[in-house]
Amino acid sequence: MFAGNFFLNNAIAGAIELPTLIACVFLLHKGGRKWSQVISLICAGTLIFAAMCLSLRGEMAFSLLFLLAGKACIQGAFNILYIFTSELYPTVIRNSAVGTCSMIARIGSAASGYIAILSDVT
């Protein structure tokens, strides 16, 4: 999907994150935590599916546009989820709970590469 200069592509993908953070603040104030999360995930899934369909038809410019918009929605969903998760726990254990959730997420992320090749072993 991203052909060309590696550094330019990373700069474009990284430039999406700042406007997403600002948009999340407004979305959280207007819609609340749960509905903001739902809207972000539905929009992300729809946009990425549309990007896949457009790339199969050969329309790469629109596919890239939809892909970047989907990335922005996924980034927003992650930011909202991070806030939402921290508010689920009482104040006394909030730091430990968020740290534990982050640790488990990183272990799962590290193990995902091994799970992908597990079918070759068994």
PDB file of N, CA and C in Angstrom:
ATOM      1  N   MET A   1       0.834  -1.185   0.000  1.00  0.00           N
ATOM      2  CA  MET A   1       0.000   0.000   0.000  1.00  0.00           C
ATOM      3  C   MET A   1       0.878   1.249   0.000  1.00  0.00           C
ATOM      4  N   PHE A   2       1.829   1.310   0.939  1.00  0.00           N
ATOM      5  CA  PHE A   2       2.733   2.456   1.008  1.00  0.00           C
ATOM      6  C   PHE A   2       3.978   2.146   0.181  1.00  0.00           C
ATOM      7  N   ALA A   3       4.030   2.626  -1.026  1.00  0.00           N
ATOM      8  CA  ALA A   3       5.224   2.457  -1.844  1.00  0.00           C
ATOM      9  C   ALA A   3       5.987   3.779  -1.846  1.00  0.00           C
ATOM     10  N   GLY A   4       7.280   3.694  -1.988  1.00  0.00           N
ATOM     11  CA  GLY A   4       8.065   4.918  -2.054  1.00  0.00           C
ATOM     12  C   GLY A   4       8.973   5.089  -0.856  1.00  0.00           C
ATOM     13  N   ASN A   5       9.149   6.319  -0.443  1.00  0.00           N
ATOM     14  CA  ASN A   5      10.078   6.673   0.618  1.00  0.00           C
ATOM     15  C   ASN A   5       9.557   6.196   1.974  1.00  0.00           C
ATOM     16  N   PHE A   6      10.343   5.366   2.634  1.00  0.00           N
ATOM     17  CA  PHE A   6       9.968   4.800   3.930  1.00  0.00           C
ATOM     18  C   PHE A   6       9.791   5.891   4.982  1.00  0.00           C
ATOM     19  N   PHE A   7      10.679   6.865   5.001  1.00  0.00           N
ATOM     20  CA  PHE A   7      10.635   7.913   6.013  1.00  0.00           C
ATOM     21  C   PHE A   7       9.454   8.859   5.805  1.00  0.00           C
ATOM     22  N   LEU A   8       9.135   9.152   4.568  1.00  0.00           N
ATOM     23  CA  LEU A   8       7.974   9.985   4.271  1.00  0.00           C
ATOM     24  C   LEU A   8       6.681   9.275   4.669  1.00  0.00           C
ATOM     25  N   ASN A   9       6.615   7.983   4.405  1.00  0.00           N
ATOM     26  CA  ASN A   9       5.427   7.217   4.783  1.00  0.00           C
ATOM     27  C   ASN A   9       5.234   7.191   6.297  1.00  0.00           C
ATOM     28  N   ASN A  10       6.321   7.027   7.041  1.00  0.00           N
ATOM     29  CA  ASN A  10       6.225   7.054   8.504  1.00  0.00           C
ATOM     30  C   ASN A  10       5.853   8.434   9.014  1.00  0.00           C
ATOM     31  N   ALA A  11       6.341   9.470   8.360  1.00  0.00           N
ATOM     32  CA  ALA A  11       5.987  10.837   8.764  1.00  0.00           C
ATOM     33  C   ALA A  11       4.502  11.097   8.537  1.00  0.00           C
ATOM     34  N   ILE A  12       3.976  10.628   7.421  1.00  0.00           N
ATOM     35  CA  ILE A  12       2.546  10.802   7.143  1.00  0.00           C
ATOM     36  C   ILE A  12       1.711  10.024   8.149  1.00  0.00           C
ATOM     37  N   ALA A  13       2.099   8.780   8.416  1.00  0.00           N
ATOM     38  CA  ALA A  13       1.354   7.965   9.376  1.00  0.00           C
ATOM     39  C   ALA A  13       1.440   8.553  10.782  1.00  0.00           C
ATOM     40  N   GLY A  14       2.578   9.122  11.141  1.00  0.00           N
ATOM     41  CA  GLY A  14       2.729   9.740  12.458  1.00  0.00           C
ATOM     42  C   GLY A  14       2.018  11.069  12.574  1.00  0.00           C
ATOM     43  N   ALA A  15       1.891  11.784  11.458  1.00  0.00           N
ATOM     44  CA  ALA A  15       1.214  13.084  11.483  1.00  0.00           C
ATOM     45  C   ALA A  15      -0.281  12.947  11.742  1.00  0.00           C
ATOM     46  N   ILE A  16      -0.808  11.772  11.567  1.00  0.00           N
ATOM     47  CA  ILE A  16      -2.237  11.539  11.810  1.00  0.00           C
ATOM     48  C   ILE A  16      -2.541  11.529  13.307  1.00  0.00           C
ATOM     49  N   GLU A  17      -1.563  11.183  14.122  1.00  0.00           N
ATOM     50  CA  GLU A  17      -1.829  10.962  15.540  1.00  0.00           C
ATOM     51  C   GLU A  17      -2.186  12.230  16.310  1.00  0.00           C
ATOM     52  N   LEU A  18      -1.573  13.351  16.019  1.00  0.00           N
ATOM     53  CA  LEU A  18      -1.872  14.583  16.753  1.00  0.00           C
ATOM     54  C   LEU A  18      -3.298  15.075  16.509  1.00  0.00           C
ATOM     55  N   PRO A  19      -3.766  15.170  15.263  1.00  0.00           N
ATOM     56  CA  PRO A  19      -5.175  15.562  15.082  1.00  0.00           C
ATOM     57  C   PRO A  19      -6.154  14.559  15.688  1.00  0.00           C
ATOM     58  N   THR A  20      -5.749  13.289  15.726  1.00  0.00           N
ATOM     59  CA  THR A  20      -6.611  12.273  16.329  1.00  0.00           C
ATOM     60  C   THR A  20      -6.761  12.509  17.825  1.00  0.00           C
ATOM     61  N   LEU A  21      -5.673  12.869  18.489  1.00  0.00           N
ATOM     62  CA  LEU A  21      -5.754  13.161  19.924  1.00  0.00           C
ATOM     63  C   LEU A  21      -6.676  14.343  20.201  1.00  0.00           C
ATOM     64  N   ILE A  22      -6.572  15.369  19.384  1.00  0.00           N
ATOM     65  CA  ILE A  22      -7.427  16.547  19.565  1.00  0.00           C
ATOM     66  C   ILE A  22      -8.885  16.197  19.296  1.00  0.00           C
ATOM     67  N   ALA A  23      -9.131  15.399  18.260  1.00  0.00           N
ATOM     68  CA  ALA A  23     -10.505  14.996  17.943  1.00  0.00           C
ATOM     69  C   ALA A  23     -11.091  14.117  19.041  1.00  0.00           C
ATOM     70  N   CYS A  24     -10.258  13.298  19.684  1.00  0.00           N
ATOM     71  CA  CYS A  24     -10.745  12.428  20.766  1.00  0.00           C
ATOM     72  C   CYS A  24     -11.224  13.240  21.961  1.00  0.00           C
ATOM     73  N   VAL A  25     -10.557  14.332  22.244  1.00  0.00           N
ATOM     74  CA  VAL A  25     -10.973  15.179  23.365  1.00  0.00           C
ATOM     75  C   VAL A  25     -12.382  15.696  23.132  1.00  0.00           C
ATOM     76  N   PHE A  26     -12.643  16.202  21.930  1.00  0.00           N
ATOM     77  CA  PHE A  26     -13.981  16.710  21.622  1.00  0.00           C
ATOM     78  C   PHE A  26     -15.013  15.590  21.583  1.00  0.00           C
ATOM     79  N   LEU A  27     -14.630  14.437  21.040  1.00  0.00           N
ATOM     80  CA  LEU A  27     -15.551  13.306  20.950  1.00  0.00           C
ATOM     81  C   LEU A  27     -15.910  12.776  22.333  1.00  0.00           C
ATOM     82  N   LEU A  28     -14.953  12.746  23.235  1.00  0.00           N
ATOM     83  CA  LEU A  28     -15.222  12.270  24.593  1.00  0.00           C
ATOM     84  C   LEU A  28     -16.133  13.222  25.352  1.00  0.00           C
ATOM     85  N   HIS A  29     -15.978  14.517  25.145  1.00  0.00           N
ATOM     86  CA  HIS A  29     -16.838  15.480  25.837  1.00  0.00           C
ATOM     87  C   HIS A  29     -18.260  15.455  25.303  1.00  0.00           C
ATOM     88  N   LYS A  30     -18.420  15.211  24.015  1.00  0.00           N
ATOM     89  CA  LYS A  30     -19.753  15.226  23.408  1.00  0.00           C
ATOM     90  C   LYS A  30     -20.490  13.899  23.563  1.00  0.00           C
ATOM     91  N   GLY A  31     -19.786  12.782  23.370  1.00  0.00           N
ATOM     92  CA  GLY A  31     -20.472  11.503  23.288  1.00  0.00           C
ATOM     93  C   GLY A  31     -20.283  10.570  24.457  1.00  0.00           C
ATOM     94  N   GLY A  32     -19.385  10.875  25.360  1.00  0.00           N
ATOM     95  CA  GLY A  32     -19.121   9.956  26.456  1.00  0.00           C
ATOM     96  C   GLY A  32     -18.121   8.884  26.051  1.00  0.00           C
ATOM     97  N   ARG A  33     -17.712   8.095  27.028  1.00  0.00           N
ATOM     98  CA  ARG A  33     -16.655   7.109  26.798  1.00  0.00           C
ATOM     99  C   ARG A  33     -17.125   5.943  25.927  1.00  0.00           C
ATOM    100  N   LYS A  34     -18.255   5.352  26.295  1.00  0.00           N
ATOM    101  CA  LYS A  34     -18.699   4.133  25.625  1.00  0.00           C
ATOM    102  C   LYS A  34     -19.077   4.392  24.164  1.00  0.00           C
ATOM    103  N   TRP A  35     -19.867   5.429  23.912  1.00  0.00           N
ATOM    104  CA  TRP A  35     -20.305   5.696  22.547  1.00  0.00           C
ATOM    105  C   TRP A  35     -19.158   6.181  21.676  1.00  0.00           C
ATOM    106  N   SER A  36     -18.210   6.878  22.254  1.00  0.00           N
ATOM    107  CA  SER A  36     -17.039   7.298  21.483  1.00  0.00           C
ATOM    108  C   SER A  36     -16.224   6.086  21.043  1.00  0.00           C
ATOM    109  N   GLN A  37     -16.102   5.115  21.934  1.00  0.00           N
ATOM    110  CA  GLN A  37     -15.384   3.883  21.605  1.00  0.00           C
ATOM    111  C   GLN A  37     -16.107   3.113  20.506  1.00  0.00           C
ATOM    112  N   VAL A  38     -17.417   2.992  20.631  1.00  0.00           N
ATOM    113  CA  VAL A  38     -18.205   2.261  19.637  1.00  0.00           C
ATOM    114  C   VAL A  38     -18.106   2.929  18.268  1.00  0.00           C
ATOM    115  N   ILE A  39     -18.268   4.232  18.237  1.00  0.00           N
ATOM    116  CA  ILE A  39     -18.218   4.969  16.968  1.00  0.00           C
ATOM    117  C   ILE A  39     -16.833   4.856  16.334  1.00  0.00           C
ATOM    118  N   SER A  40     -15.786   4.964  17.138  1.00  0.00           N
ATOM    119  CA  SER A  40     -14.421   4.870  16.604  1.00  0.00           C
ATOM    120  C   SER A  40     -14.150   3.501  15.992  1.00  0.00           C
ATOM    121  N   LEU A  41     -14.579   2.443  16.668  1.00  0.00           N
ATOM    122  CA  LEU A  41     -14.323   1.099  16.155  1.00  0.00           C
ATOM    123  C   LEU A  41     -15.147   0.792  14.910  1.00  0.00           C
ATOM    124  N   ILE A  42     -16.410   1.218  14.888  1.00  0.00           N
ATOM    125  CA  ILE A  42     -17.242   0.982  13.703  1.00  0.00           C
ATOM    126  C   ILE A  42     -16.700   1.754  12.507  1.00  0.00           C
ATOM    127  N   CYS A  43     -16.327   3.000  12.725  1.00  0.00           N
ATOM    128  CA  CYS A  43     -15.752   3.800  11.629  1.00  0.00           C
ATOM    129  C   CYS A  43     -14.445   3.192  11.135  1.00  0.00           C
ATOM    130  N   ALA A  44     -13.606   2.721  12.047  1.00  0.00           N
ATOM    131  CA  ALA A  44     -12.332   2.125  11.647  1.00  0.00           C
ATOM    132  C   ALA A  44     -12.558   0.874  10.813  1.00  0.00           C
ATOM    133  N   GLY A  45     -13.438   0.004  11.259  1.00  0.00           N
ATOM    134  CA  GLY A  45     -13.719  -1.212  10.501  1.00  0.00           C
ATOM    135  C   GLY A  45     -14.292  -0.924   9.131  1.00  0.00           C
ATOM    136  N   THR A  46     -15.211   0.022   9.065  1.00  0.00           N
ATOM    137  CA  THR A  46     -15.830   0.378   7.790  1.00  0.00           C
ATOM    138  C   THR A  46     -14.813   0.988   6.830  1.00  0.00           C
ATOM    139  N   LEU A  47     -13.996   1.896   7.329  1.00  0.00           N
ATOM    140  CA  LEU A  47     -13.020   2.560   6.463  1.00  0.00           C
ATOM    141  C   LEU A  47     -11.936   1.604   5.971  1.00  0.00           C
ATOM    142  N   ILE A  48     -11.475   0.714   6.830  1.00  0.00           N
ATOM    143  CA  ILE A  48     -10.437  -0.225   6.408  1.00  0.00           C
ATOM    144  C   ILE A  48     -11.001  -1.258   5.437  1.00  0.00           C
ATOM    145  N   PHE A  49     -12.251  -1.682   5.653  1.00  0.00           N
ATOM    146  CA  PHE A  49     -12.894  -2.590   4.699  1.00  0.00           C
ATOM    147  C   PHE A  49     -13.076  -1.906   3.346  1.00  0.00           C
ATOM    148  N   ALA A  50     -13.471  -0.637   3.363  1.00  0.00           N
ATOM    149  CA  ALA A  50     -13.618   0.119   2.111  1.00  0.00           C
ATOM    150  C   ALA A  50     -12.267   0.283   1.418  1.00  0.00           C
ATOM    151  N   ALA A  51     -11.204   0.486   2.191  1.00  0.00           N
ATOM    152  CA  ALA A  51      -9.866   0.604   1.606  1.00  0.00           C
ATOM    153  C   ALA A  51      -9.454  -0.699   0.931  1.00  0.00           C
ATOM    154  N   MET A  52      -9.809  -1.823   1.545  1.00  0.00           N
ATOM    155  CA  MET A  52      -9.489  -3.113   0.944  1.00  0.00           C
ATOM    156  C   MET A  52     -10.248  -3.301  -0.374  1.00  0.00           C
ATOM    157  N   CYS A  53     -11.528  -2.956  -0.369  1.00  0.00           N
ATOM    158  CA  CYS A  53     -12.335  -3.090  -1.589  1.00  0.00           C
ATOM    159  C   CYS A  53     -11.827  -2.169  -2.694  1.00  0.00           C
ATOM    160  N   LEU A  54     -11.438  -0.959  -2.335  1.00  0.00           N
ATOM    161  CA  LEU A  54     -10.926  -0.020  -3.334  1.00  0.00           C
ATOM    162  C   LEU A  54      -9.579  -0.464  -3.894  1.00  0.00           C
ATOM    163  N   SER A  55      -8.741  -1.067  -3.057  1.00  0.00           N
ATOM    164  CA  SER A  55      -7.442  -1.526  -3.560  1.00  0.00           C
ATOM    165  C   SER A  55      -7.610  -2.719  -4.495  1.00  0.00           C
ATOM    166  N   LEU A  56      -8.633  -3.538  -4.267  1.00  0.00           N
ATOM    167  CA  LEU A  56      -8.894  -4.651  -5.180  1.00  0.00           C
ATOM    168  C   LEU A  56      -9.390  -4.158  -6.539  1.00  0.00           C
ATOM    169  N   ARG A  57     -10.046  -3.021  -6.550  1.00  0.00           N
ATOM    170  CA  ARG A  57     -10.515  -2.426  -7.807  1.00  0.00           C
ATOM    171  C   ARG A  57      -9.422  -1.616  -8.497  1.00  0.00           C
ATOM    172  N   GLY A  58      -8.297  -1.413  -7.825  1.00  0.00           N
ATOM    173  CA  GLY A  58      -7.180  -0.699  -8.429  1.00  0.00           C
ATOM    174  C   GLY A  58      -7.164   0.793  -8.172  1.00  0.00           C
ATOM    175  N   GLU A  59      -8.027   1.288  -7.329  1.00  0.00           N
ATOM    176  CA  GLU A  59      -8.076   2.717  -7.014  1.00  0.00           C
ATOM    177  C   GLU A  59      -7.221   2.985  -5.774  1.00  0.00           C
ATOM    178  N   MET A  60      -5.918   3.090  -6.000  1.00  0.00           N
ATOM    179  CA  MET A  60      -4.974   3.167  -4.894  1.00  0.00           C
ATOM    180  C   MET A  60      -5.009   4.497  -4.153  1.00  0.00           C
ATOM    181  N   ALA A  61      -5.302   5.585  -4.830  1.00  0.00           N
ATOM    182  CA  ALA A  61      -5.311   6.895  -4.163  1.00  0.00           C
ATOM    183  C   ALA A  61      -6.426   6.960  -3.126  1.00  0.00           C
ATOM    184  N   PHE A  62      -7.623   6.545  -3.510  1.00  0.00           N
ATOM    185  CA  PHE A  62      -8.732   6.548  -2.557  1.00  0.00           C
ATOM    186  C   PHE A  62      -8.540   5.484  -1.482  1.00  0.00           C
ATOM    187  N   SER A  63      -7.943   4.366  -1.873  1.00  0.00           N
ATOM    188  CA  SER A  63      -7.666   3.314  -0.901  1.00  0.00           C
ATOM    189  C   SER A  63      -6.718   3.815   0.182  1.00  0.00           C
ATOM    190  N   LEU A  64      -5.694   4.547  -0.217  1.00  0.00           N
ATOM    191  CA  LEU A  64      -4.743   5.105   0.747  1.00  0.00           C
ATOM    192  C   LEU A  64      -5.415   6.128   1.652  1.00  0.00           C
ATOM    193  N   LEU A  65      -6.297   6.938   1.082  1.00  0.00           N
ATOM    194  CA  LEU A  65      -7.029   7.929   1.867  1.00  0.00           C
ATOM    195  C   LEU A  65      -7.913   7.250   2.915  1.00  0.00           C
ATOM    196  N   PHE A  66      -8.628   6.217   2.515  1.00  0.00           N
ATOM    197  CA  PHE A  66      -9.487   5.495   3.447  1.00  0.00           C
ATOM    198  C   PHE A  66      -8.661   4.748   4.487  1.00  0.00           C
ATOM    199  N   LEU A  67      -7.510   4.230   4.075  1.00  0.00           N
ATOM    200  CA  LEU A  67      -6.636   3.526   5.007  1.00  0.00           C
ATOM    201  C   LEU A  67      -6.100   4.463   6.084  1.00  0.00           C
ATOM    202  N   LEU A  68      -5.701   5.656   5.700  1.00  0.00           N
ATOM    203  CA  LEU A  68      -5.206   6.625   6.679  1.00  0.00           C
ATOM    204  C   LEU A  68      -6.323   7.101   7.606  1.00  0.00           C
ATOM    205  N   ALA A  69      -7.537   7.262   7.073  1.00  0.00           N
ATOM    206  CA  ALA A  69      -8.671   7.627   7.925  1.00  0.00           C
ATOM    207  C   ALA A  69      -8.999   6.491   8.888  1.00  0.00           C
ATOM    208  N   GLY A  70      -8.897   5.248   8.424  1.00  0.00           N
ATOM    209  CA  GLY A  70      -9.103   4.099   9.307  1.00  0.00           C
ATOM    210  C   GLY A  70      -8.050   4.023  10.393  1.00  0.00           C
ATOM    211  N   LYS A  71      -6.805   4.359  10.041  1.00  0.00           N
ATOM    212  CA  LYS A  71      -5.737   4.389  11.044  1.00  0.00           C
ATOM    213  C   LYS A  71      -6.017   5.447  12.100  1.00  0.00           C
ATOM    214  N   ALA A  72      -6.545   6.585  11.668  1.00  0.00           N
ATOM    215  CA  ALA A  72      -6.892   7.639  12.622  1.00  0.00           C
ATOM    216  C   ALA A  72      -7.990   7.162  13.570  1.00  0.00           C
ATOM    217  N   CYS A  73      -8.964   6.444  13.050  1.00  0.00           N
ATOM    218  CA  CYS A  73     -10.041   5.933  13.911  1.00  0.00           C
ATOM    219  C   CYS A  73      -9.525   4.876  14.883  1.00  0.00           C
ATOM    220  N   ILE A  74      -8.618   4.012  14.424  1.00  0.00           N
ATOM    221  CA  ILE A  74      -8.032   3.006  15.313  1.00  0.00           C
ATOM    222  C   ILE A  74      -7.211   3.676  16.406  1.00  0.00           C
ATOM    223  N   GLN A  75      -6.451   4.694  16.035  1.00  0.00           N
ATOM    224  CA  GLN A  75      -5.671   5.435  17.030  1.00  0.00           C
ATOM    225  C   GLN A  75      -6.589   6.093  18.048  1.00  0.00           C
ATOM    226  N   GLY A  76      -7.690   6.665  17.577  1.00  0.00           N
ATOM    227  CA  GLY A  76      -8.665   7.264  18.485  1.00  0.00           C
ATOM    228  C   GLY A  76      -9.293   6.236  19.404  1.00  0.00           C
ATOM    229  N   ALA A  77      -9.609   5.063  18.858  1.00  0.00           N
ATOM    230  CA  ALA A  77     -10.197   4.001  19.681  1.00  0.00           C
ATOM    231  C   ALA A  77      -9.227   3.552  20.772  1.00  0.00           C
ATOM    232  N   PHE A  78      -7.938   3.474  20.437  1.00  0.00           N
ATOM    233  CA  PHE A  78      -6.950   3.090  21.443  1.00  0.00           C
ATOM    234  C   PHE A  78      -6.836   4.148  22.536  1.00  0.00           C
ATOM    235  N   ASN A  79      -6.831   5.411  22.143  1.00  0.00           N
ATOM    236  CA  ASN A  79      -6.740   6.488  23.135  1.00  0.00           C
ATOM    237  C   ASN A  79      -7.955   6.496  24.055  1.00  0.00           C
ATOM    238  N   ILE A  80      -9.134   6.307  23.495  1.00  0.00           N
ATOM    239  CA  ILE A  80     -10.357   6.272  24.300  1.00  0.00           C
ATOM    240  C   ILE A  80     -10.346   5.060  25.217  1.00  0.00           C
ATOM    241  N   LEU A  81      -9.896   3.913  24.703  1.00  0.00           N
ATOM    242  CA  LEU A  81      -9.870   2.694  25.510  1.00  0.00           C
ATOM    243  C   LEU A  81      -8.903   2.819  26.682  1.00  0.00           C
ATOM    244  N   TYR A  82      -7.795   3.500  26.475  1.00  0.00           N
ATOM    245  CA  TYR A  82      -6.823   3.690  27.552  1.00  0.00           C
ATOM    246  C   TYR A  82      -7.436   4.501  28.696  1.00  0.00           C
ATOM    247  N   ILE A  83      -8.178   5.544  28.347  1.00  0.00           N
ATOM    248  CA  ILE A  83      -8.857   6.357  29.368  1.00  0.00           C
ATOM    249  C   ILE A  83      -9.981   5.564  30.015  1.00  0.00           C
ATOM    250  N   PHE A  84     -10.760   4.874  29.187  1.00  0.00           N
ATOM    251  CA  PHE A  84     -11.912   4.114  29.671  1.00  0.00           C
ATOM    252  C   PHE A  84     -11.476   2.998  30.621  1.00  0.00           C
ATOM    253  N   THR A  85     -10.378   2.318  30.299  1.00  0.00           N
ATOM    254  CA  THR A  85      -9.881   1.243  31.155  1.00  0.00           C
ATOM    255  C   THR A  85      -9.434   1.774  32.506  1.00  0.00           C
ATOM    256  N   SER A  86      -8.769   2.907  32.515  1.00  0.00           N
ATOM    257  CA  SER A  86      -8.294   3.446  33.790  1.00  0.00           C
ATOM    258  C   SER A  86      -9.442   3.879  34.686  1.00  0.00           C
ATOM    259  N   GLU A  87     -10.569   4.265  34.103  1.00  0.00           N
ATOM    260  CA  GLU A  87     -11.705   4.701  34.909  1.00  0.00           C
ATOM    261  C   GLU A  87     -12.536   3.539  35.443  1.00  0.00           C
ATOM    262  N   LEU A  88     -12.280   2.330  35.004  1.00  0.00           N
ATOM    263  CA  LEU A  88     -13.029   1.176  35.496  1.00  0.00           C
ATOM    264  C   LEU A  88     -12.599   0.764  36.900  1.00  0.00           C
ATOM    265  N   TYR A  89     -11.381   1.094  37.273  1.00  0.00           N
ATOM    266  CA  TYR A  89     -10.824   0.648  38.544  1.00  0.00           C
ATOM    267  C   TYR A  89     -10.914   1.739  39.601  1.00  0.00           C
ATOM    268  N   PRO A  90     -10.998   1.331  40.872  1.00  0.00           N
ATOM    269  CA  PRO A  90     -10.992   2.334  41.947  1.00  0.00           C
ATOM    270  C   PRO A  90      -9.652   3.080  41.986  1.00  0.00           C
ATOM    271  N   THR A  91      -9.680   4.263  42.548  1.00  0.00           N
ATOM    272  CA  THR A  91      -8.500   5.121  42.570  1.00  0.00           C
ATOM    273  C   THR A  91      -7.325   4.464  43.288  1.00  0.00           C
ATOM    274  N   VAL A  92      -7.593   3.661  44.293  1.00  0.00           N
ATOM    275  CA  VAL A  92      -6.530   3.055  45.097  1.00  0.00           C
ATOM    276  C   VAL A  92      -5.657   2.119  44.261  1.00  0.00           C
ATOM    277  N   ILE A  93      -6.265   1.369  43.344  1.00  0.00           N
ATOM    278  CA  ILE A  93      -5.494   0.400  42.557  1.00  0.00           C
ATOM    279  C   ILE A  93      -5.376   0.791  41.083  1.00  0.00           C
ATOM    280  N   ARG A  94      -5.725   2.001  40.733  1.00  0.00           N
ATOM    281  CA  ARG A  94      -5.775   2.407  39.321  1.00  0.00           C
ATOM    282  C   ARG A  94      -4.418   2.279  38.630  1.00  0.00           C
ATOM    283  N   ASN A  95      -3.360   2.775  39.239  1.00  0.00           N
ATOM    284  CA  ASN A  95      -2.040   2.708  38.596  1.00  0.00           C
ATOM    285  C   ASN A  95      -1.579   1.273  38.404  1.00  0.00           C
ATOM    286  N   SER A  96      -1.780   0.444  39.423  1.00  0.00           N
ATOM    287  CA  SER A  96      -1.382  -0.960  39.303  1.00  0.00           C
ATOM    288  C   SER A  96      -2.214  -1.683  38.253  1.00  0.00           C
ATOM    289  N   ALA A  97      -3.503  -1.384  38.193  1.00  0.00           N
ATOM    290  CA  ALA A  97      -4.383  -2.052  37.232  1.00  0.00           C
ATOM    291  C   ALA A  97      -4.039  -1.665  35.800  1.00  0.00           C
ATOM    292  N   VAL A  98      -3.807  -0.386  35.548  1.00  0.00           N
ATOM    293  CA  VAL A  98      -3.449   0.049  34.193  1.00  0.00           C
ATOM    294  C   VAL A  98      -2.081  -0.515  33.810  1.00  0.00           C
ATOM    295  N   GLY A  99      -1.151  -0.554  34.742  1.00  0.00           N
ATOM    296  CA  GLY A  99       0.156  -1.146  34.468  1.00  0.00           C
ATOM    297  C   GLY A  99       0.064  -2.629  34.163  1.00  0.00           C
ATOM    298  N   THR A 100      -0.788  -3.343  34.910  1.00  0.00           N
ATOM    299  CA  THR A 100      -0.978  -4.768  34.659  1.00  0.00           C
ATOM    300  C   THR A 100      -1.622  -5.002  33.298  1.00  0.00           C
ATOM    301  N   CYS A 101      -2.627  -4.203  32.957  1.00  0.00           N
ATOM    302  CA  CYS A 101      -3.268  -4.323  31.639  1.00  0.00           C
ATOM    303  C   CYS A 101      -2.272  -4.046  30.521  1.00  0.00           C
ATOM    304  N   SER A 102      -1.431  -3.050  30.703  1.00  0.00           N
ATOM    305  CA  SER A 102      -0.427  -2.722  29.701  1.00  0.00           C
ATOM    306  C   SER A 102       0.598  -3.844  29.562  1.00  0.00           C
ATOM    307  N   MET A 103       0.990  -4.444  30.692  1.00  0.00           N
ATOM    308  CA  MET A 103       1.949  -5.537  30.653  1.00  0.00           C
ATOM    309  C   MET A 103       1.366  -6.745  29.924  1.00  0.00           C
ATOM    310  N   ILE A 104       0.115  -7.082  30.208  1.00  0.00           N
ATOM    311  CA  ILE A 104      -0.525  -8.219  29.552  1.00  0.00           C
ATOM    312  C   ILE A 104      -0.673  -7.959  28.055  1.00  0.00           C
ATOM    313  N   ALA A 105      -0.984  -6.726  27.683  1.00  0.00           N
ATOM    314  CA  ALA A 105      -1.096  -6.387  26.262  1.00  0.00           C
ATOM    315  C   ALA A 105       0.247  -6.539  25.558  1.00  0.00           C
ATOM    316  N   ARG A 106       1.317  -6.156  26.221  1.00  0.00           N
ATOM    317  CA  ARG A 106       2.640  -6.270  25.602  1.00  0.00           C
ATOM    318  C   ARG A 106       3.083  -7.728  25.505  1.00  0.00           C
ATOM    319  N   ILE A 107       2.731  -8.537  26.488  1.00  0.00           N
ATOM    320  CA  ILE A 107       3.039  -9.970  26.411  1.00  0.00           C
ATOM    321  C   ILE A 107       2.270 -10.604  25.254  1.00  0.00           C
ATOM    322  N   GLY A 108       1.000 -10.246  25.115  1.00  0.00           N
ATOM    323  CA  GLY A 108       0.207 -10.762  23.998  1.00  0.00           C
ATOM    324  C   GLY A 108       0.753 -10.319  22.658  1.00  0.00           C
ATOM    325  N   SER A 109       1.213  -9.087  22.591  1.00  0.00           N
ATOM    326  CA  SER A 109       1.799  -8.582  21.350  1.00  0.00           C
ATOM    327  C   SER A 109       3.091  -9.323  21.012  1.00  0.00           C
ATOM    328  N   ALA A 110       3.897  -9.599  22.019  1.00  0.00           N
ATOM    329  CA  ALA A 110       5.146 -10.325  21.784  1.00  0.00           C
ATOM    330  C   ALA A 110       4.879 -11.777  21.405  1.00  0.00           C
ATOM    331  N   ALA A 111       3.839 -12.376  21.970  1.00  0.00           N
ATOM    332  CA  ALA A 111       3.529 -13.780  21.693  1.00  0.00           C
ATOM    333  C   ALA A 111       2.811 -13.972  20.363  1.00  0.00           C
ATOM    334  N   SER A 112       2.264 -12.925  19.800  1.00  0.00           N
ATOM    335  CA  SER A 112       1.481 -13.082  18.569  1.00  0.00           C
ATOM    336  C   SER A 112       2.328 -13.578  17.399  1.00  0.00           C
ATOM    337  N   GLY A 113       3.580 -13.212  17.362  1.00  0.00           N
ATOM    338  CA  GLY A 113       4.451 -13.708  16.303  1.00  0.00           C
ATOM    339  C   GLY A 113       4.674 -15.205  16.398  1.00  0.00           C
ATOM    340  N   TYR A 114       4.733 -15.733  17.609  1.00  0.00           N
ATOM    341  CA  TYR A 114       4.919 -17.165  17.794  1.00  0.00           C
ATOM    342  C   TYR A 114       3.625 -17.936  17.552  1.00  0.00           C
ATOM    343  N   ILE A 115       2.506 -17.329  17.865  1.00  0.00           N
ATOM    344  CA  ILE A 115       1.223 -17.993  17.640  1.00  0.00           C
ATOM    345  C   ILE A 115       0.970 -18.153  16.144  1.00  0.00           C
ATOM    346  N   ALA A 116       1.435 -17.206  15.347  1.00  0.00           N
ATOM    347  CA  ALA A 116       1.248 -17.280  13.899  1.00  0.00           C
ATOM    348  C   ALA A 116       1.980 -18.472  13.291  1.00  0.00           C
ATOM    349  N   ILE A 117       3.131 -18.857  13.838  1.00  0.00           N
ATOM    350  CA  ILE A 117       3.880 -19.989  13.287  1.00  0.00           C
ATOM    351  C   ILE A 117       3.631 -21.281  14.056  1.00  0.00           C
ATOM    352  N   LEU A 118       2.699 -21.276  14.986  1.00  0.00           N
ATOM    353  CA  LEU A 118       2.418 -22.463  15.785  1.00  0.00           C
ATOM    354  C   LEU A 118       1.843 -23.592  14.940  1.00  0.00           C
ATOM    355  N   SER A 119       1.135 -23.277  13.883  1.00  0.00           N
ATOM    356  CA  SER A 119       0.553 -24.325  13.038  1.00  0.00           C
ATOM    357  C   SER A 119       1.635 -25.111  12.296  1.00  0.00           C
ATOM    358  N   ASP A 120       2.803 -24.531  12.095  1.00  0.00           N
ATOM    359  CA  ASP A 120       3.894 -25.253  11.443  1.00  0.00           C
ATOM    360  C   ASP A 120       4.509 -26.296  12.362  1.00  0.00           C
ATOM    361  N   VAL A 121       4.419 -26.088  13.668  1.00  0.00           N
ATOM    362  CA  VAL A 121       5.040 -26.983  14.635  1.00  0.00           C
ATOM    363  C   VAL A 121       4.159 -28.197  14.898  1.00  0.00           C
ATOM    364  N   THR A 122       2.853 -27.964  15.020  1.00  0.00           N
ATOM    365  CA  THR A 122       1.958 -29.079  15.369  1.00  0.00           C
ATOM    366  C   THR A 122       1.378 -29.747  14.158  1.00  0.00           C
TER     367      THR A 122
END
